[in-house]
């Protein structure tokens, strides 16, 4: 039995805590939300974010970071990307050099365009950056805790670290594959949220399967262009961390990002939509970060550009769709590749 700390009491952090406890580990779940901690302690459910899932006794909830990290060999970061740097900073005095830092956060820092691995390196230092693992892939929290067969990826540069994450968290319905491409895994998990907002807009506008298929395929092309420019491997984008997660988030009814896009397609404002949501739709914050990163690298991402225009320039979703369909005609695979 190993001590695992999960930092973040949202639905995904809670689901990972449940899986780890089912696998026999001693789990400490940290949340800044006192109501979440009280609900878990008294009712064994997270009544705020995942109310239908029983949380095993092996999970101890706390609002104290020191208590969560005490003797933890594996630390899973499951917080919104915009809060990651602040929370990592609060962890810094308590971090031990032999910890494995696992990011279950699918996003890019809005101010800098940096990935979670880069932020970990800046805040926690070179040693822990070398023990970083990105946990990503097609996975809705609700389905994981309901024991639906699920396959995801643990991507890390250190072979031992990624295999440790694989062996400790793979259990029953959760199967984890390993990968050494952190860049591809992180960008796949981030860009797919932006494309999912676009997919939701397509659905909200009343378009059918033809449109969704085109959107997913061309979204994959954009994701791949950016990731390859950053040094990722093509096969990563064709696997669970790329195509797999993209398909799930663009088509699944449990996708928060798809929901945001769908409501935008129906004519509601972003403020109206997000004010009624309990959890963050990562694509909303990732979109401007992604646009800055793509502009800096000179990577063409027309779908992401139109999502940005709808979210932040109040462009109607129908006009965004028309803009994509009236772009200059081209070869499907003309240079740059994808």
Protein backbone atom coordinates (compact mmCIF):
# COMPACT_ATOMS: atom_id res chain seq x y z
CA UNK A 1 0.00 0.00 0.00
CA UNK A 2 1.34 3.43 -0.99
CA UNK A 3 0.39 6.93 0.11
CA UNK A 4 -1.07 8.93 -2.77
CA UNK A 5 -1.98 12.61 -2.56
CA UNK A 6 -4.63 14.00 -4.90
CA UNK A 7 -4.61 17.78 -5.09
CA UNK A 8 -8.00 18.97 -6.27
CA UNK A 9 -11.47 17.89 -5.17
CA UNK A 10 -13.34 18.30 -8.45
CA UNK A 11 -14.93 15.40 -10.30
CA UNK A 12 -11.71 14.07 -11.87
CA UNK A 13 -9.64 14.41 -8.71
CA UNK A 14 -12.39 12.64 -6.79
CA UNK A 15 -12.61 9.87 -9.40
CA UNK A 16 -8.85 9.27 -9.29
CA UNK A 17 -9.01 9.16 -5.49
CA UNK A 18 -11.71 6.51 -5.66
CA UNK A 19 -9.76 4.39 -8.16
CA UNK A 20 -6.57 4.65 -6.09
CA UNK A 21 -8.43 3.64 -2.93
CA UNK A 22 -10.10 0.71 -4.69
CA UNK A 23 -6.62 -0.41 -5.71
CA UNK A 24 -5.69 -0.53 -2.02
CA UNK A 25 -3.73 2.70 -1.64
CA UNK A 26 -3.84 5.18 1.23
CA UNK A 27 -5.24 8.36 -0.34
CA UNK A 28 -5.25 11.95 0.88
CA UNK A 29 -7.57 14.20 -1.13
CA UNK A 30 -6.95 17.93 -0.79
CA UNK A 31 -9.60 20.51 -1.59
CA UNK A 32 -9.77 24.19 -0.75
CA UNK A 33 -13.56 23.79 -0.62
CA UNK A 34 -14.51 23.01 2.98
CA UNK A 35 -17.95 21.81 1.88
CA UNK A 36 -16.34 19.13 -0.28
CA UNK A 37 -14.14 17.93 2.59
CA UNK A 38 -17.02 17.88 5.06
CA UNK A 39 -19.24 15.98 2.65
CA UNK A 40 -16.60 13.30 2.09
CA UNK A 41 -15.85 12.95 5.79
CA UNK A 42 -19.46 12.75 6.92
CA UNK A 43 -21.33 11.19 3.98
CA UNK A 44 -18.56 9.47 1.94
CA UNK A 45 -19.64 11.33 -1.20
CA UNK A 46 -18.49 14.53 -2.91
CA UNK A 47 -21.89 16.19 -2.86
CA UNK A 48 -20.62 19.22 -4.79
CA UNK A 49 -19.00 17.56 -7.84
CA UNK A 50 -19.60 13.78 -7.94
CA UNK A 51 -22.57 13.12 -5.73
CA UNK A 52 -23.49 9.66 -7.06
CA UNK A 53 -20.16 7.98 -6.31
CA UNK A 54 -19.36 6.36 -2.95
CA UNK A 55 -15.90 7.31 -1.74
CA UNK A 56 -14.07 4.45 0.02
CA UNK A 57 -12.81 4.75 3.56
CA UNK A 58 -9.28 4.66 2.17
CA UNK A 59 -9.73 8.27 1.05
CA UNK A 60 -9.16 10.93 3.70
CA UNK A 61 -10.20 14.46 2.70
CA UNK A 62 -8.45 17.55 4.02
CA UNK A 63 -8.13 21.29 3.44
CA UNK A 64 -4.56 21.20 4.78
CA UNK A 65 -1.87 20.87 2.13
CA UNK A 66 0.71 19.62 4.63
CA UNK A 67 -1.58 16.79 5.72
CA UNK A 68 -2.25 15.81 2.09
CA UNK A 69 1.42 15.69 1.10
CA UNK A 70 2.74 14.05 4.25
CA UNK A 71 4.66 10.87 3.23
CA UNK A 72 3.05 10.87 -0.24
CA UNK A 73 5.15 9.14 -2.89
CA UNK A 74 2.75 10.03 -5.71
CA UNK A 75 1.17 13.49 -5.98
CA UNK A 76 -1.63 13.93 -8.52
CA UNK A 77 -2.43 17.49 -9.53
CA UNK A 78 -6.08 17.66 -10.61
CA UNK A 79 -6.86 21.38 -10.55
CA UNK A 80 -7.92 23.88 -13.23
CA UNK A 81 -4.97 25.09 -15.30
CA UNK A 82 -5.46 28.72 -14.26
CA UNK A 83 -4.93 27.73 -10.60
CA UNK A 84 -2.03 25.32 -11.13
CA UNK A 85 0.87 27.75 -10.57
CA UNK A 86 -0.62 29.13 -7.36
CA UNK A 87 -1.30 25.67 -5.95
CA UNK A 88 2.12 24.35 -6.96
CA UNK A 89 3.65 27.35 -5.19
CA UNK A 90 1.81 26.40 -2.00
CA UNK A 91 3.13 22.84 -2.39
CA UNK A 92 6.74 23.90 -2.92
CA UNK A 93 7.91 24.05 0.74
CA UNK A 94 6.37 20.63 1.37
CA UNK A 95 7.58 18.79 -1.72
CA UNK A 96 10.10 15.95 -1.36
CA UNK A 97 12.68 15.18 -4.07
CA UNK A 98 11.58 11.55 -4.42
CA UNK A 99 7.93 12.37 -5.11
CA UNK A 100 6.43 11.67 -8.52
CA UNK A 101 4.37 14.65 -9.69
CA UNK A 102 1.45 13.60 -11.87
CA UNK A 103 -0.56 16.18 -13.79
CA UNK A 104 -4.18 15.29 -14.49
CA UNK A 105 -4.81 18.88 -15.59
CA UNK A 106 -5.69 19.36 -19.26
CA UNK A 107 -4.90 22.95 -20.05
CA UNK A 108 -2.34 25.64 -20.85
CA UNK A 109 -1.53 28.57 -18.57
CA UNK A 110 -3.50 31.49 -19.93
CA UNK A 111 -0.93 34.21 -19.20
CA UNK A 112 2.13 32.41 -20.56
CA UNK A 113 0.97 29.64 -22.89
CA UNK A 114 3.06 27.18 -20.85
CA UNK A 115 2.23 23.55 -20.31
CA UNK A 116 1.88 22.00 -16.84
CA UNK A 117 5.27 20.27 -17.07
CA UNK A 118 6.93 23.63 -17.73
CA UNK A 119 5.18 25.22 -14.76
CA UNK A 120 6.20 22.32 -12.51
CA UNK A 121 9.79 22.86 -13.58
CA UNK A 122 9.65 26.57 -12.83
CA UNK A 123 7.94 26.22 -9.45
CA UNK A 124 9.14 22.90 -8.03
CA UNK A 125 12.55 22.77 -9.67
CA UNK A 126 14.58 20.57 -11.98
CA UNK A 127 14.54 17.43 -9.82
CA UNK A 128 10.76 17.10 -9.63
CA UNK A 129 10.40 18.26 -13.24
CA UNK A 130 12.41 15.17 -14.16
CA UNK A 131 9.90 13.04 -12.23
CA UNK A 132 6.87 14.57 -13.94
CA UNK A 133 4.17 12.40 -15.52
CA UNK A 134 1.20 13.61 -17.57
CA UNK A 135 -1.95 11.51 -17.04
CA UNK A 136 -4.33 12.07 -19.93
CA UNK A 137 -6.67 10.43 -22.40
CA UNK A 138 -10.38 9.83 -23.02
CA UNK A 139 -11.94 9.66 -19.56
CA UNK A 140 -15.13 11.05 -18.08
CA UNK A 141 -14.96 10.91 -14.26
CA UNK A 142 -18.53 9.64 -13.92
CA UNK A 143 -17.90 6.68 -16.20
CA UNK A 144 -14.60 5.78 -14.53
CA UNK A 145 -16.18 5.49 -11.07
CA UNK A 146 -19.10 3.57 -12.58
CA UNK A 147 -16.53 1.01 -13.76
CA UNK A 148 -16.84 1.59 -17.49
CA UNK A 149 -13.72 0.20 -19.23
CA UNK A 150 -11.38 3.16 -19.75
CA UNK A 151 -7.91 3.47 -21.29
CA UNK A 152 -5.62 6.46 -20.71
CA UNK A 153 -1.92 7.36 -20.94
CA UNK A 154 0.84 8.09 -18.43
CA UNK A 155 3.45 10.12 -20.33
CA UNK A 156 6.80 10.91 -18.75
CA UNK A 157 10.45 11.21 -19.70
CA UNK A 158 11.53 8.99 -16.80
CA UNK A 159 10.75 5.33 -17.54
CA UNK A 160 10.53 4.28 -13.90
CA UNK A 161 8.20 7.14 -12.99
CA UNK A 162 5.72 6.54 -15.78
CA UNK A 163 5.70 2.80 -15.10
CA UNK A 164 5.11 3.48 -11.40
CA UNK A 165 2.06 5.59 -12.22
CA UNK A 166 0.87 2.88 -14.60
CA UNK A 167 1.16 0.09 -12.05
CA UNK A 168 -0.32 1.96 -9.11
CA UNK A 169 -3.37 3.42 -10.81
CA UNK A 170 -4.29 0.69 -13.32
CA UNK A 171 -7.07 -1.25 -11.63
CA UNK A 172 -10.17 -3.15 -12.75
CA UNK A 173 -11.75 -0.90 -15.40
CA UNK A 174 -8.92 1.65 -15.67
CA UNK A 175 -6.09 0.58 -18.00
CA UNK A 176 -3.07 2.86 -18.34
CA UNK A 177 -0.57 2.80 -21.19
CA UNK A 178 2.83 4.50 -20.99
CA UNK A 179 4.37 7.00 -23.38
CA UNK A 180 7.59 9.04 -23.34
CA UNK A 181 6.13 12.03 -25.22
CA UNK A 182 5.12 14.58 -22.58
CA UNK A 183 4.74 17.43 -25.08
CA UNK A 184 2.34 15.51 -27.30
CA UNK A 185 0.31 14.22 -24.37
CA UNK A 186 -0.05 17.65 -22.79
CA UNK A 187 -0.93 19.47 -26.01
CA UNK A 188 -3.35 16.74 -27.08
CA UNK A 189 -5.19 17.04 -23.76
CA UNK A 190 -5.29 20.83 -24.00
CA UNK A 191 -6.12 21.51 -27.65
CA UNK A 192 -8.95 18.94 -27.73
CA UNK A 193 -10.91 21.09 -25.26
CA UNK A 194 -10.89 24.02 -27.68
CA UNK A 195 -11.93 21.83 -30.60
CA UNK A 196 -14.70 20.36 -28.41
CA UNK A 197 -16.16 23.85 -27.93
CA UNK A 198 -16.29 24.12 -31.72
CA UNK A 199 -17.94 20.69 -31.94
CA UNK A 200 -20.54 21.83 -29.45
CA UNK A 201 -21.24 24.91 -31.55
CA UNK A 202 -21.83 22.66 -34.56
CA UNK A 203 -24.37 20.66 -32.57
CA UNK A 204 -25.98 23.79 -31.13
CA UNK A 205 -26.45 25.20 -34.62
CA UNK A 206 -28.35 22.07 -35.55
CA UNK A 207 -25.78 20.61 -37.94
CA UNK A 208 -25.44 16.85 -38.20
CA UNK A 209 -22.90 14.06 -38.31
CA UNK A 210 -21.19 15.25 -41.50
CA UNK A 211 -20.26 18.49 -39.78
CA UNK A 212 -19.03 16.82 -36.58
CA UNK A 213 -16.86 14.38 -38.53
CA UNK A 214 -15.29 17.20 -40.53
CA UNK A 215 -14.71 19.25 -37.40
CA UNK A 216 -13.00 16.41 -35.53
CA UNK A 217 -10.78 15.53 -38.48
CA UNK A 218 -9.67 19.07 -39.20
CA UNK A 219 -9.33 19.71 -35.47
CA UNK A 220 -6.93 16.79 -35.29
CA UNK A 221 -4.94 18.39 -38.11
CA UNK A 222 -4.64 21.63 -36.12
CA UNK A 223 -3.68 19.80 -32.95
CA UNK A 224 -1.04 17.85 -34.82
CA UNK A 225 0.46 20.90 -36.54
CA UNK A 226 0.95 22.66 -33.23
CA UNK A 227 2.24 19.65 -31.34
CA UNK A 228 4.77 18.71 -34.02
CA UNK A 229 6.05 22.28 -34.07
CA UNK A 230 6.63 21.98 -30.32
CA UNK A 231 8.56 18.73 -30.73
CA UNK A 232 5.84 16.13 -30.13
CA UNK A 233 5.67 12.75 -31.85
CA UNK A 234 3.05 12.12 -34.52
CA UNK A 235 2.06 8.74 -33.06
CA UNK A 236 1.06 10.39 -29.77
CA UNK A 237 -1.49 12.55 -31.55
CA UNK A 238 -2.90 9.47 -33.30
CA UNK A 239 -3.32 7.65 -29.97
CA UNK A 240 -5.32 7.93 -26.77
CA UNK A 241 -3.84 11.29 -25.73
CA UNK A 242 -4.71 12.86 -29.07
CA UNK A 243 -7.37 11.36 -31.30
CA UNK A 244 -8.94 9.28 -28.52
CA UNK A 245 -9.50 12.20 -26.18
CA UNK A 246 -10.56 14.45 -29.05
CA UNK A 247 -13.32 12.08 -30.17
CA UNK A 248 -14.63 11.62 -26.64
CA UNK A 249 -14.72 15.32 -25.79
CA UNK A 250 -16.26 16.33 -29.11
CA UNK A 251 -19.05 13.75 -29.02
CA UNK A 252 -19.73 12.83 -25.38
CA UNK A 253 -22.70 14.32 -23.58
CA UNK A 254 -20.67 14.56 -20.35
CA UNK A 255 -18.18 16.98 -21.92
CA UNK A 256 -18.27 20.40 -20.28
CA UNK A 257 -16.45 21.97 -23.22
CA UNK A 258 -18.89 20.54 -25.73
CA UNK A 259 -21.74 21.84 -23.55
CA UNK A 260 -20.32 25.37 -23.58
CA UNK A 261 -20.06 25.28 -27.38
CA UNK A 262 -23.54 23.83 -27.76
CA UNK A 263 -25.08 26.61 -25.71
CA UNK A 264 -23.09 29.22 -27.65
CA UNK A 265 -24.47 27.71 -30.85
CA UNK A 266 -27.96 28.15 -29.45
CA UNK A 267 -27.29 31.86 -28.96
CA UNK A 268 -26.54 32.12 -25.23
CA UNK A 269 -23.65 34.30 -24.05
CA UNK A 270 -20.51 32.87 -22.46
CA UNK A 271 -21.33 34.67 -19.22
CA UNK A 272 -24.80 33.12 -19.07
CA UNK A 273 -23.40 29.66 -19.69
CA UNK A 274 -20.46 29.65 -17.28
CA UNK A 275 -22.39 31.30 -14.44
CA UNK A 276 -24.49 28.15 -14.14
CA UNK A 277 -21.60 25.67 -14.21
CA UNK A 278 -20.07 24.11 -11.09
CA UNK A 279 -16.76 23.20 -12.73
CA UNK A 280 -14.45 24.87 -15.19
CA UNK A 281 -14.64 24.08 -18.90
CA UNK A 282 -10.88 24.14 -19.53
CA UNK A 283 -11.27 25.09 -23.18
CA UNK A 284 -12.59 28.53 -22.26
CA UNK A 285 -9.31 29.53 -20.62
CA UNK A 286 -7.13 27.43 -22.92
CA UNK A 287 -8.42 29.16 -26.07
CA UNK A 288 -6.61 32.51 -25.59
CA UNK A 289 -3.49 30.71 -24.34
CA UNK A 290 -3.58 28.46 -27.39
CA UNK A 291 -4.03 31.41 -29.73
CA UNK A 292 -0.99 33.15 -28.24
CA UNK A 293 1.09 30.00 -28.51
CA UNK A 294 0.02 29.32 -32.13
CA UNK A 295 0.63 32.94 -33.14
CA UNK A 296 4.08 32.87 -31.55
CA UNK A 297 4.98 29.68 -33.38
CA UNK A 298 3.39 30.77 -36.64
CA UNK A 299 1.07 27.74 -36.70
CA UNK A 300 -2.19 28.01 -38.62
CA UNK A 301 -5.20 27.02 -36.45
CA UNK A 302 -8.38 28.33 -38.12
CA UNK A 303 -10.83 26.39 -35.93
CA UNK A 304 -9.16 27.61 -32.74
CA UNK A 305 -9.15 31.15 -34.14
CA UNK A 306 -12.91 31.02 -34.74
CA UNK A 307 -13.54 29.62 -31.25
CA UNK A 308 -11.56 32.55 -29.87
CA UNK A 309 -13.64 34.98 -31.94
CA UNK A 310 -16.89 33.53 -30.60
CA UNK A 311 -15.72 33.39 -26.98
CA UNK A 312 -13.91 36.71 -26.72
CA UNK A 313 -14.99 38.87 -29.66
CA UNK A 314 -18.69 37.96 -29.52
CA UNK A 315 -18.76 36.66 -33.08
CA UNK A 316 -21.95 34.66 -33.68
CA UNK A 317 -21.31 30.93 -33.94
CA UNK A 318 -23.09 30.73 -37.30
CA UNK A 319 -20.75 33.37 -38.73
CA UNK A 320 -17.76 31.46 -37.38
CA UNK A 321 -18.95 28.31 -39.16
CA UNK A 322 -19.42 30.28 -42.38
CA UNK A 323 -15.90 31.72 -42.08
CA UNK A 324 -14.43 28.22 -41.90
CA UNK A 325 -16.41 27.01 -44.91
CA UNK A 326 -15.43 29.97 -47.10
CA UNK A 327 -11.67 29.82 -46.49
CA UNK A 328 -9.51 29.46 -49.63
CA UNK A 329 -9.60 25.93 -51.06
CA UNK A 330 -6.47 23.81 -50.65
CA UNK A 331 -5.04 20.30 -50.78
CA UNK A 332 -5.89 18.27 -47.69
CA UNK A 333 -2.23 17.55 -46.94
CA UNK A 334 -0.48 20.54 -48.54
CA UNK A 335 2.58 21.81 -46.71
CA UNK A 336 2.93 22.19 -43.84
CA UNK A 337 1.93 18.54 -43.35
CA UNK A 338 -1.43 18.24 -41.58
